Amino acid sequence: MIMSITAQPHFPEDVIDHLADIAAGSALDQVRRHRSEARSQAQQSFAALFTPAEPVAGTVSLRERLTLAAFTAGLHGEPRSTAFYTRALADEDADLADAVSSEVVRGRAASLQPGSGPHGPYGIYPAGPLSREDQSGPSYAVDPAHTALLGPRLSAALAHAHLLAYHPRDASAQALLALQQAGWSETDIVILSQLASFLSFQIRLVAGLRVLGARAAITTASSTIALQAQP
């Protein structure tokens, strides 16, 4: 099936620059310009997933894409990315955005072992040398209070997104079958996988760039203080 994402929200010209708070002409801007092709391709990937110019294969609506993006960003704990996708989702469906924010809290709580902080990845390797790294962990399911709003498709998709984030070793044919039974076609599942892959890349890149930016700011401030302290 071919569908068109008709509502085209306004997004920044370069989403990664926006999320990492990179100003034109800054040191980080120059760093990214050294990889201009990679920079361009990252933005093109975002555009292909969230603002396609042409009708796209599958039946994954913009509302569903933004739901998965807000939930996945929240699971990864990158605040700027979470806020960005949650606001975009709220423009489409404010009630759904609120429900997803609650599900992020639930999903992150499901990644905790009692009495400790976040853990993972969980899961079981095929029998062999890596089996010593097997680690069972809590699973996640959508809050029953939100299942009516989310519907079976998004409820299954959020569970799958949590699986990929915290239980990647447990990805299986059965997990894909659960998506199909909830109404996702094979083409849709490919799109969901593309979203998960891109978001993982984008979120980690933004987090790294923000760390570099903060470090550069500290270095600049220290140099300024040192200069001011000179007689």
C-alpha atoms as a PDB file:
ATOM      1  CA  MET A   1       0.000   0.000   0.000  1.00  0.00           C
ATOM      2  CA  ILE A   2       1.146   3.548  -0.780  1.00  0.00           C
ATOM      3  CA  MET A   3       0.260   6.437   1.478  1.00  0.00           C
ATOM      4  CA  SER A   4       1.101  10.120   1.674  1.00  0.00           C
ATOM      5  CA  ILE A   5       2.026  11.937   4.866  1.00  0.00           C
ATOM      6  CA  THR A   6      -0.114  14.956   4.093  1.00  0.00           C
ATOM      7  CA  ALA A   7       0.543  17.163   7.108  1.00  0.00           C
ATOM      8  CA  GLN A   8       4.060  18.506   6.791  1.00  0.00           C
ATOM      9  CA  PRO A   9       5.175  19.977  10.134  1.00  0.00           C
ATOM     10  CA  HIS A  10       7.851  22.624  10.146  1.00  0.00           C
ATOM     11  CA  PHE A  11      11.169  21.187  11.280  1.00  0.00           C
ATOM     12  CA  PRO A  12      14.572  22.918  11.552  1.00  0.00           C
ATOM     13  CA  GLU A  13      16.762  22.990   8.456  1.00  0.00           C
ATOM     14  CA  ASP A  14      19.245  20.729  10.248  1.00  0.00           C
ATOM     15  CA  VAL A  15      17.649  18.791  13.082  1.00  0.00           C
ATOM     16  CA  ILE A  16      20.920  17.534  14.583  1.00  0.00           C
ATOM     17  CA  ASP A  17      22.351  21.057  14.722  1.00  0.00           C
ATOM     18  CA  HIS A  18      19.125  22.167  16.404  1.00  0.00           C
ATOM     19  CA  LEU A  19      19.106  19.359  18.968  1.00  0.00           C
ATOM     20  CA  ALA A  20      22.807  19.739  19.739  1.00  0.00           C
ATOM     21  CA  ASP A  21      22.435  23.535  19.911  1.00  0.00           C
ATOM     22  CA  ILE A  22      25.160  24.123  17.323  1.00  0.00           C
ATOM     23  CA  ALA A  23      25.435  27.741  16.220  1.00  0.00           C
ATOM     24  CA  ALA A  24      26.588  28.681  12.737  1.00  0.00           C
ATOM     25  CA  GLY A  25      30.295  29.416  12.718  1.00  0.00           C
ATOM     26  CA  SER A  26      30.936  27.701  16.055  1.00  0.00           C
ATOM     27  CA  ALA A  27      33.706  25.182  16.602  1.00  0.00           C
ATOM     28  CA  LEU A  28      31.212  22.297  16.444  1.00  0.00           C
ATOM     29  CA  ASP A  29      29.752  23.732  13.253  1.00  0.00           C
ATOM     30  CA  GLN A  30      33.226  23.606  11.735  1.00  0.00           C
ATOM     31  CA  VAL A  31      33.683  20.040  12.944  1.00  0.00           C
ATOM     32  CA  ARG A  32      30.469  18.963  11.239  1.00  0.00           C
ATOM     33  CA  ARG A  33      31.401  20.825   8.057  1.00  0.00           C
ATOM     34  CA  HIS A  34      34.471  18.581   7.765  1.00  0.00           C
ATOM     35  CA  ARG A  35      31.994  15.728   7.249  1.00  0.00           C
ATOM     36  CA  SER A  36      29.606  17.622   4.998  1.00  0.00           C
ATOM     37  CA  GLU A  37      28.383  14.513   3.166  1.00  0.00           C
ATOM     38  CA  ALA A  38      27.571  12.699   6.401  1.00  0.00           C
ATOM     39  CA  ARG A  39      25.874  15.837   7.699  1.00  0.00           C
ATOM     40  CA  SER A  40      23.738  16.107   4.590  1.00  0.00           C
ATOM     41  CA  GLN A  41      22.822  12.426   4.579  1.00  0.00           C
ATOM     42  CA  ALA A  42      21.734  12.547   8.225  1.00  0.00           C
ATOM     43  CA  GLN A  43      19.288  15.343   7.456  1.00  0.00           C
ATOM     44  CA  GLN A  44      18.090  13.591   4.313  1.00  0.00           C
ATOM     45  CA  SER A  45      17.414  10.459   6.366  1.00  0.00           C
ATOM     46  CA  PHE A  46      15.346  12.489   8.813  1.00  0.00           C
ATOM     47  CA  ALA A  47      13.410  14.093   5.978  1.00  0.00           C
ATOM     48  CA  ALA A  48      12.749  10.744   4.307  1.00  0.00           C
ATOM     49  CA  LEU A  49      11.285   9.374   7.528  1.00  0.00           C
ATOM     50  CA  PHE A  50       9.309  12.380   8.758  1.00  0.00           C
ATOM     51  CA  THR A  51       8.683  14.731   5.823  1.00  0.00           C
ATOM     52  CA  PRO A  52       8.755  12.647   2.643  1.00  0.00           C
ATOM     53  CA  ALA A  53       8.150  14.704  -0.492  1.00  0.00           C
ATOM     54  CA  GLU A  54       6.578  11.742  -2.300  1.00  0.00           C
ATOM     55  CA  PRO A  55       3.997   9.150  -1.235  1.00  0.00           C
ATOM     56  CA  VAL A  56       5.671   6.400   0.772  1.00  0.00           C
ATOM     57  CA  ALA A  57       5.240   2.649   0.879  1.00  0.00           C
ATOM     58  CA  GLY A  58       3.433   1.167   3.832  1.00  0.00           C
ATOM     59  CA  THR A  59       0.782   2.542   6.151  1.00  0.00           C
ATOM     60  CA  VAL A  60       2.855   4.157   8.899  1.00  0.00           C
ATOM     61  CA  SER A  61       1.299   7.569   9.505  1.00  0.00           C
ATOM     62  CA  LEU A  62       3.166  10.656  10.707  1.00  0.00           C
ATOM     63  CA  ARG A  63       1.302  10.338  14.013  1.00  0.00           C
ATOM     64  CA  GLU A  64       2.648   6.805  14.432  1.00  0.00           C
ATOM     65  CA  ARG A  65       6.169   7.796  13.398  1.00  0.00           C
ATOM     66  CA  LEU A  66       6.265  10.645  15.897  1.00  0.00           C
ATOM     67  CA  THR A  67       4.849   8.377  18.609  1.00  0.00           C
ATOM     68  CA  LEU A  68       7.658   5.898  18.077  1.00  0.00           C
ATOM     69  CA  ALA A  69      10.223   8.709  17.935  1.00  0.00           C
ATOM     70  CA  ALA A  70       9.059  10.353  21.169  1.00  0.00           C
ATOM     71  CA  PHE A  71       8.931   7.014  22.987  1.00  0.00           C
ATOM     72  CA  THR A  72      12.317   5.832  21.711  1.00  0.00           C
ATOM     73  CA  ALA A  73      14.025   9.133  22.523  1.00  0.00           C
ATOM     74  CA  GLY A  74      12.527   8.993  25.994  1.00  0.00           C
ATOM     75  CA  LEU A  75      13.817   5.473  26.561  1.00  0.00           C
ATOM     76  CA  HIS A  76      17.303   6.593  25.569  1.00  0.00           C
ATOM     77  CA  GLY A  77      17.086   9.492  28.016  1.00  0.00           C
ATOM     78  CA  GLU A  78      18.282  12.259  25.693  1.00  0.00           C
ATOM     79  CA  PRO A  79      16.231  15.247  26.935  1.00  0.00           C
ATOM     80  CA  ARG A  80      16.460  17.544  23.904  1.00  0.00           C
ATOM     81  CA  SER A  81      15.487  14.780  21.479  1.00  0.00           C
ATOM     82  CA  THR A  82      12.662  13.646  23.751  1.00  0.00           C
ATOM     83  CA  ALA A  83      11.256  17.162  24.038  1.00  0.00           C
ATOM     84  CA  PHE A  84      11.616  17.749  20.291  1.00  0.00           C
ATOM     85  CA  TYR A  85       9.675  14.678  19.207  1.00  0.00           C
ATOM     86  CA  THR A  86       7.134  14.986  22.030  1.00  0.00           C
ATOM     87  CA  ARG A  87       6.308  18.558  21.004  1.00  0.00           C
ATOM     88  CA  ALA A  88       5.959  17.484  17.379  1.00  0.00           C
ATOM     89  CA  LEU A  89       3.629  14.666  18.447  1.00  0.00           C
ATOM     90  CA  ALA A  90       1.620  17.051  20.648  1.00  0.00           C
ATOM     91  CA  ASP A  91       0.979  19.212  17.591  1.00  0.00           C
ATOM     92  CA  GLU A  92      -0.607  16.134  16.002  1.00  0.00           C
ATOM     93  CA  ASP A  93      -2.344  14.693  19.070  1.00  0.00           C
ATOM     94  CA  ALA A  94      -1.862  16.261  22.511  1.00  0.00           C
ATOM     95  CA  ASP A  95      -3.588  13.411  24.381  1.00  0.00           C
ATOM     96  CA  LEU A  96      -1.374  10.857  22.682  1.00  0.00           C
ATOM     97  CA  ALA A  97       1.747  12.894  23.523  1.00  0.00           C
ATOM     98  CA  ASP A  98       0.760  12.881  27.207  1.00  0.00           C
ATOM     99  CA  ALA A  99       0.163   9.132  27.118  1.00  0.00           C
ATOM    100  CA  VAL A 100       3.523   8.495  25.459  1.00  0.00           C
ATOM    101  CA  SER A 101       5.308  10.607  28.089  1.00  0.00           C
ATOM    102  CA  SER A 102       3.729   8.415  30.763  1.00  0.00           C
ATOM    103  CA  GLU A 103       4.731   5.298  28.850  1.00  0.00           C
ATOM    104  CA  VAL A 104       8.334   6.538  28.730  1.00  0.00           C
ATOM    105  CA  VAL A 105       8.356   6.652  32.536  1.00  0.00           C
ATOM    106  CA  ARG A 106       6.829   3.174  32.626  1.00  0.00           C
ATOM    107  CA  GLY A 107       9.260   1.872  30.023  1.00  0.00           C
ATOM    108  CA  ARG A 108      12.324   3.246  31.799  1.00  0.00           C
ATOM    109  CA  ALA A 109      11.091   1.835  35.099  1.00  0.00           C
ATOM    110  CA  ALA A 110      10.816  -1.550  33.405  1.00  0.00           C
ATOM    111  CA  SER A 111      14.549  -1.335  32.649  1.00  0.00           C
ATOM    112  CA  LEU A 112      15.493  -1.163  36.325  1.00  0.00           C
ATOM    113  CA  GLN A 113      16.524  -3.972  38.562  1.00  0.00           C
ATOM    114  CA  PRO A 114      15.105  -3.634  42.101  1.00  0.00           C
ATOM    115  CA  GLY A 115      17.255  -1.423  44.282  1.00  0.00           C
ATOM    116  CA  SER A 116      19.598  -0.341  41.487  1.00  0.00           C
ATOM    117  CA  GLY A 117      19.901   1.956  38.512  1.00  0.00           C
ATOM    118  CA  PRO A 118      19.334   1.332  34.816  1.00  0.00           C
ATOM    119  CA  HIS A 119      20.676  -1.938  33.465  1.00  0.00           C
ATOM    120  CA  GLY A 120      20.716  -3.758  30.194  1.00  0.00           C
ATOM    121  CA  PRO A 121      20.886  -4.814  27.554  1.00  0.00           C
ATOM    122  CA  TYR A 122      19.003  -7.860  28.722  1.00  0.00           C
ATOM    123  CA  GLY A 123      18.458 -11.087  26.899  1.00  0.00           C
ATOM    124  CA  ILE A 124      19.723 -14.546  26.128  1.00  0.00           C
ATOM    125  CA  TYR A 125      22.362 -15.356  23.525  1.00  0.00           C
ATOM    126  CA  PRO A 126      22.291 -18.576  21.510  1.00  0.00           C
ATOM    127  CA  ALA A 127      24.054 -21.334  23.435  1.00  0.00           C
ATOM    128  CA  GLY A 128      27.805 -20.777  23.169  1.00  0.00           C
ATOM    129  CA  PRO A 129      30.693 -18.674  24.502  1.00  0.00           C
ATOM    130  CA  LEU A 130      28.522 -15.580  24.953  1.00  0.00           C
ATOM    131  CA  SER A 131      26.055 -17.405  27.165  1.00  0.00           C
ATOM    132  CA  ARG A 132      28.001 -16.259  30.216  1.00  0.00           C
ATOM    133  CA  GLU A 133      26.739 -12.742  29.437  1.00  0.00           C
ATOM    134  CA  ASP A 134      23.081 -13.794  29.451  1.00  0.00           C
ATOM    135  CA  GLN A 135      21.032 -11.538  31.693  1.00  0.00           C
ATOM    136  CA  SER A 136      17.325 -11.805  32.321  1.00  0.00           C
ATOM    137  CA  GLY A 137      15.470  -8.602  32.998  1.00  0.00           C
ATOM    138  CA  PRO A 138      12.014  -7.097  33.426  1.00  0.00           C
ATOM    139  CA  SER A 139       9.814  -6.742  30.379  1.00  0.00           C
ATOM    140  CA  TYR A 140       7.488  -3.908  29.388  1.00  0.00           C
ATOM    141  CA  ALA A 141       3.846  -3.718  28.389  1.00  0.00           C
ATOM    142  CA  VAL A 142       1.693  -0.663  27.752  1.00  0.00           C
ATOM    143  CA  ASP A 143      -0.323   0.608  30.711  1.00  0.00           C
ATOM    144  CA  PRO A 144      -3.877  -0.756  30.302  1.00  0.00           C
ATOM    145  CA  ALA A 145      -5.119   2.789  30.893  1.00  0.00           C
ATOM    146  CA  HIS A 146      -3.571   3.803  27.565  1.00  0.00           C
ATOM    147  CA  THR A 147      -4.385   0.803  25.377  1.00  0.00           C
ATOM    148  CA  ALA A 148      -7.639   2.296  24.068  1.00  0.00           C
ATOM    149  CA  LEU A 149      -5.936   5.538  23.039  1.00  0.00           C
ATOM    150  CA  LEU A 150      -2.889   3.843  21.556  1.00  0.00           C
ATOM    151  CA  GLY A 151      -4.771   1.007  19.907  1.00  0.00           C
ATOM    152  CA  PRO A 152      -3.284  -2.413  19.117  1.00  0.00           C
ATOM    153  CA  ARG A 153      -0.831  -1.147  16.472  1.00  0.00           C
ATOM    154  CA  LEU A 154       0.909   1.434  18.626  1.00  0.00           C
ATOM    155  CA  SER A 155       0.727  -0.721  21.763  1.00  0.00           C
ATOM    156  CA  ALA A 156       2.614  -3.461  19.917  1.00  0.00           C
ATOM    157  CA  ALA A 157       5.023  -0.957  18.361  1.00  0.00           C
ATOM    158  CA  LEU A 158       5.957   0.550  21.733  1.00  0.00           C
ATOM    159  CA  ALA A 159       6.580  -2.915  23.159  1.00  0.00           C
ATOM    160  CA  HIS A 160       8.794  -3.660  20.151  1.00  0.00           C
ATOM    161  CA  ALA A 161      10.688  -0.374  20.553  1.00  0.00           C
ATOM    162  CA  HIS A 162      11.344  -1.251  24.193  1.00  0.00           C
ATOM    163  CA  LEU A 163      12.524  -4.709  23.134  1.00  0.00           C
ATOM    164  CA  LEU A 164      15.041  -3.166  20.720  1.00  0.00           C
ATOM    165  CA  ALA A 165      16.256  -0.670  23.336  1.00  0.00           C
ATOM    166  CA  TYR A 166      16.589  -2.989  26.346  1.00  0.00           C
ATOM    167  CA  HIS A 167      16.239  -6.580  25.102  1.00  0.00           C
ATOM    168  CA  PRO A 168      17.950  -6.591  21.680  1.00  0.00           C
ATOM    169  CA  ARG A 169      19.223 -10.139  22.204  1.00  0.00           C
ATOM    170  CA  ASP A 170      15.621 -11.304  22.478  1.00  0.00           C
ATOM    171  CA  ALA A 171      14.593 -10.005  19.049  1.00  0.00           C
ATOM    172  CA  SER A 172      12.995 -12.917  17.266  1.00  0.00           C
ATOM    173  CA  ALA A 173      10.549 -14.069  14.629  1.00  0.00           C
ATOM    174  CA  GLN A 174       7.937 -14.230  17.380  1.00  0.00           C
ATOM    175  CA  ALA A 175       8.482 -10.537  18.139  1.00  0.00           C
ATOM    176  CA  LEU A 176       7.894  -9.687  14.481  1.00  0.00           C
ATOM    177  CA  LEU A 177       4.837 -11.904  14.415  1.00  0.00           C
ATOM    178  CA  ALA A 178       3.388  -9.900  17.312  1.00  0.00           C
ATOM    179  CA  LEU A 179       3.678  -6.768  15.167  1.00  0.00           C
ATOM    180  CA  GLN A 180       1.980  -8.462  12.227  1.00  0.00           C
ATOM    181  CA  GLN A 181      -0.838  -9.702  14.429  1.00  0.00           C
ATOM    182  CA  ALA A 182      -1.357  -6.132  15.646  1.00  0.00           C
ATOM    183  CA  GLY A 183      -1.849  -4.933  12.073  1.00  0.00           C
ATOM    184  CA  TRP A 184       1.637  -3.955  10.864  1.00  0.00           C
ATOM    185  CA  SER A 185       2.493  -5.143   7.354  1.00  0.00           C
ATOM    186  CA  GLU A 186       5.938  -6.400   6.372  1.00  0.00           C
ATOM    187  CA  THR A 187       6.645  -3.033   4.717  1.00  0.00           C
ATOM    188  CA  ASP A 188       5.495  -1.231   7.864  1.00  0.00           C
ATOM    189  CA  ILE A 189       7.858  -3.327   9.983  1.00  0.00           C
ATOM    190  CA  VAL A 190      10.757  -2.358   7.729  1.00  0.00           C
ATOM    191  CA  ILE A 191       9.826   1.300   8.288  1.00  0.00           C
ATOM    192  CA  LEU A 192       9.683   0.749  12.056  1.00  0.00           C
ATOM    193  CA  SER A 193      13.163  -0.785  11.891  1.00  0.00           C
ATOM    194  CA  GLN A 194      14.443   2.171   9.876  1.00  0.00           C
ATOM    195  CA  LEU A 195      12.991   4.553  12.444  1.00  0.00           C
ATOM    196  CA  ALA A 196      14.604   2.661  15.330  1.00  0.00           C
ATOM    197  CA  SER A 197      17.973   2.571  13.584  1.00  0.00           C
ATOM    198  CA  PHE A 198      17.946   6.234  12.616  1.00  0.00           C
ATOM    199  CA  LEU A 199      16.782   7.417  16.036  1.00  0.00           C
ATOM    200  CA  SER A 200      19.475   5.398  17.793  1.00  0.00           C
ATOM    201  CA  PHE A 201      22.087   7.033  15.546  1.00  0.00           C
ATOM    202  CA  GLN A 202      20.638  10.539  15.884  1.00  0.00           C
ATOM    203  CA  ILE A 203      20.177  10.409  19.649  1.00  0.00           C
ATOM    204  CA  ARG A 204      23.707   9.156  20.284  1.00  0.00           C
ATOM    205  CA  LEU A 205      25.218  11.716  17.932  1.00  0.00           C
ATOM    206  CA  VAL A 206      23.288  14.547  19.578  1.00  0.00           C
ATOM    207  CA  ALA A 207      24.326  13.396  23.053  1.00  0.00           C
ATOM    208  CA  GLY A 208      27.978  13.230  21.986  1.00  0.00           C
ATOM    209  CA  LEU A 209      27.890  16.638  20.304  1.00  0.00           C
ATOM    210  CA  ARG A 210      26.295  18.200  23.364  1.00  0.00           C
ATOM    211  CA  VAL A 211      29.059  16.783  25.563  1.00  0.00           C
ATOM    212  CA  LEU A 212      31.675  18.235  23.201  1.00  0.00           C
ATOM    213  CA  GLY A 213      29.855  21.563  23.198  1.00  0.00           C
ATOM    214  CA  ALA A 214      29.732  21.686  26.991  1.00  0.00           C
ATOM    215  CA  ARG A 215      33.420  20.806  27.202  1.00  0.00           C
ATOM    216  CA  ALA A 216      34.292  23.536  24.707  1.00  0.00           C
ATOM    217  CA  ALA A 217      32.241  26.041  26.695  1.00  0.00           C
ATOM    218  CA  ILE A 218      34.074  25.116  29.916  1.00  0.00           C
ATOM    219  CA  THR A 219      37.453  25.452  28.183  1.00  0.00           C
ATOM    220  CA  THR A 220      36.505  28.854  26.785  1.00  0.00           C
ATOM    221  CA  ALA A 221      35.255  30.074  30.165  1.00  0.00           C
ATOM    222  CA  SER A 222      38.421  28.866  31.908  1.00  0.00           C
ATOM    223  CA  SER A 223      40.598  30.644  29.346  1.00  0.00           C
ATOM    224  CA  THR A 224      38.626  33.850  29.789  1.00  0.00           C
ATOM    225  CA  ILE A 225      38.946  33.699  33.567  1.00  0.00           C
ATOM    226  CA  ALA A 226      42.674  33.059  33.285  1.00  0.00           C
ATOM    227  CA  LEU A 227      43.142  36.060  30.995  1.00  0.00           C
ATOM    228  CA  GLN A 228      41.120  38.296  33.289  1.00  0.00           C
ATOM    229  CA  ALA A 229      43.214  37.185  36.260  1.00  0.00           C
ATOM    230  CA  GLN A 230      46.447  38.262  34.613  1.00  0.00           C
ATOM    231  CA  PRO A 231      47.917  41.541  35.957  1.00  0.00           C
END
